[in-house]
Amino acid sequence: MTLTREEIQGMKPGREMDALIAEKVLGWTDIKRVNPAVIHSFSADGNHANFGFSPVLYKHVPFPLYSTDISAAWEVVTHLKSKYWYFMLSDENEGWEASFYWDPHRPAFEAVSATAPEAICKAALLAVLKL
């Protein structure tokens, strides 16, 4: 699946974005996405219907709500910082701006969104996909 910068910027927070973060940013494998029509047969809120193989836990587990939960989004920041990415988050008039960059003298991979978790996830995807 090849994504464009515009597709990432236009994505809504939710399980599809969470799956992309798990796979593309955090290195999860064997990602399973369950048809939304049958999600409620797995859990009351649908949060456990999407899972993959965690490279940290070495087992299949539901992936976190990266795009809507700030504590889960912060795991994304921590992971990329461990890979020597710099990170900035600022409160903007339109919402939140998140930026990841290698070198302060080069353009950053940045996203502006209504919420901080969404901005972090979009900027992270742009950074790892080099868009």
Protein backbone atom coordinates (compact mmCIF):
# COMPACT_ATOMS: atom_id res chain seq x y z
CA MET A 1 0.00 0.00 0.00
CA THR A 2 1.58 3.26 -1.16
CA LEU A 3 0.28 6.38 0.52
CA THR A 4 0.66 9.97 -0.59
CA ARG A 5 1.23 12.99 1.61
CA GLU A 6 -2.28 14.19 0.76
CA GLU A 7 -3.86 10.86 1.74
CA ILE A 8 -2.12 10.91 5.12
CA GLN A 9 -3.07 14.55 5.74
CA GLY A 10 -6.69 13.74 4.84
CA MET A 11 -7.01 10.66 7.07
CA LYS A 12 -9.36 10.74 10.02
CA PRO A 13 -8.19 9.44 13.39
CA GLY A 14 -9.29 5.88 14.02
CA ARG A 15 -8.34 2.24 13.69
CA GLU A 16 -7.02 2.48 10.12
CA MET A 17 -4.55 5.18 11.15
CA ASP A 18 -3.70 3.19 14.27
CA ALA A 19 -2.94 0.14 12.09
CA LEU A 20 -0.65 2.21 9.86
CA ILE A 21 1.20 3.58 12.88
CA ALA A 22 1.60 0.09 14.34
CA GLU A 23 2.93 -1.29 11.06
CA LYS A 24 4.88 1.55 9.42
CA VAL A 25 6.22 3.38 12.47
CA LEU A 26 6.47 0.81 15.26
CA GLY A 27 7.26 -2.30 13.23
CA TRP A 28 4.27 -4.47 14.11
CA THR A 29 3.68 -7.36 11.71
CA ASP A 30 0.78 -9.60 10.78
CA ILE A 31 -1.69 -6.73 11.14
CA LYS A 32 -5.30 -7.92 11.18
CA ARG A 33 -8.15 -5.55 10.43
CA VAL A 34 -11.67 -6.70 11.19
CA ASN A 35 -14.62 -5.58 9.08
CA PRO A 36 -16.38 -2.78 11.02
CA ALA A 37 -19.71 -4.57 10.53
CA VAL A 38 -18.54 -7.39 12.80
CA ILE A 39 -16.43 -5.39 15.26
CA HIS A 40 -19.00 -5.58 18.03
CA SER A 41 -18.78 -9.35 18.05
CA PHE A 42 -15.21 -8.92 19.37
CA SER A 43 -15.69 -6.18 21.93
CA ALA A 44 -18.31 -3.71 23.04
CA ASP A 45 -16.32 -0.69 21.83
CA GLY A 46 -14.49 -2.27 18.89
CA ASN A 47 -11.04 -1.47 20.28
CA HIS A 48 -9.90 -5.07 20.36
CA ALA A 49 -10.95 -5.93 16.82
CA ASN A 50 -7.67 -4.79 15.25
CA PHE A 51 -4.46 -6.46 16.31
CA GLY A 52 -1.04 -7.54 15.20
CA PHE A 53 2.21 -9.10 16.29
CA SER A 54 3.95 -6.74 18.72
CA PRO A 55 7.75 -6.58 18.29
CA VAL A 56 8.02 -5.64 21.98
CA LEU A 57 5.69 -8.23 23.52
CA TYR A 58 6.44 -10.98 20.95
CA LYS A 59 2.80 -11.97 20.66
CA HIS A 60 -0.44 -11.01 18.90
CA VAL A 61 -2.28 -8.29 20.79
CA PRO A 62 -4.65 -5.42 19.98
CA PHE A 63 -2.69 -2.33 19.01
CA PRO A 64 -3.26 0.87 21.00
CA LEU A 65 -5.45 3.78 19.97
CA TYR A 66 -2.49 5.82 18.75
CA SER A 67 -4.50 8.43 16.86
CA THR A 68 -6.98 9.25 19.63
CA ASP A 69 -5.21 8.55 22.95
CA ILE A 70 -2.38 10.91 23.94
CA SER A 71 -0.59 8.29 26.06
CA ALA A 72 -0.54 5.89 23.09
CA ALA A 73 0.55 8.70 20.74
CA TRP A 74 3.39 9.47 23.13
CA GLU A 75 4.65 5.89 22.59
CA VAL A 76 5.07 6.88 18.93
CA VAL A 77 7.09 9.94 19.93
CA THR A 78 9.27 7.92 22.32
CA HIS A 79 9.92 5.27 19.67
CA LEU A 80 10.96 7.78 17.01
CA LYS A 81 13.12 9.70 19.48
CA SER A 82 14.92 6.40 20.21
CA LYS A 83 15.68 6.33 16.46
CA TYR A 84 17.28 9.80 16.74
CA TRP A 85 14.36 11.83 15.43
CA TYR A 86 13.81 15.26 16.98
CA PHE A 87 10.25 16.16 17.92
CA MET A 88 8.26 19.35 18.49
CA LEU A 89 4.62 19.82 19.45
CA SER A 90 2.95 23.21 19.58
CA ASP A 91 -0.51 24.55 20.18
CA GLU A 92 -1.68 26.39 17.09
CA ASN A 93 -4.81 28.43 16.34
CA GLU A 94 -6.13 25.59 14.15
CA GLY A 95 -5.25 22.86 16.65
CA TRP A 96 -1.92 21.14 17.21
CA GLU A 97 1.22 21.04 15.08
CA ALA A 98 3.57 18.06 15.42
CA SER A 99 6.96 17.93 13.71
CA PHE A 100 9.62 15.25 13.36
CA TYR A 101 13.02 16.08 11.89
CA TRP A 102 16.59 14.81 11.71
CA ASP A 103 18.43 18.06 11.21
CA PRO A 104 17.21 21.48 12.38
CA HIS A 105 18.54 22.99 9.14
CA ARG A 106 16.34 20.80 6.92
CA PRO A 107 12.56 20.85 6.48
CA ALA A 108 10.56 18.95 9.06
CA PHE A 109 7.84 16.39 8.49
CA GLU A 110 4.89 18.16 10.07
CA ALA A 111 1.15 17.92 10.42
CA VAL A 112 -1.52 20.19 11.88
CA SER A 113 -4.65 18.56 13.28
CA ALA A 114 -7.48 19.23 15.70
CA THR A 115 -5.95 16.98 18.38
CA ALA A 116 -2.38 16.32 19.47
CA PRO A 117 -2.57 12.51 18.98
CA GLU A 118 -3.82 12.93 15.42
CA ALA A 119 -1.09 15.48 14.61
CA ILE A 120 1.60 13.22 16.12
CA CYS A 121 0.43 10.21 14.12
CA LYS A 122 0.22 12.07 10.83
CA ALA A 123 3.65 13.67 11.29
CA ALA A 124 5.12 10.29 12.26
CA LEU A 125 3.72 8.62 9.14
CA LEU A 126 5.03 11.46 6.95
CA ALA A 127 8.45 11.13 8.57
CA VAL A 128 8.91 7.37 8.29
CA LEU A 129 7.51 7.29 4.76
CA LYS A 130 9.65 10.36 3.91
CA LEU A 131 6.72 12.27 2.42
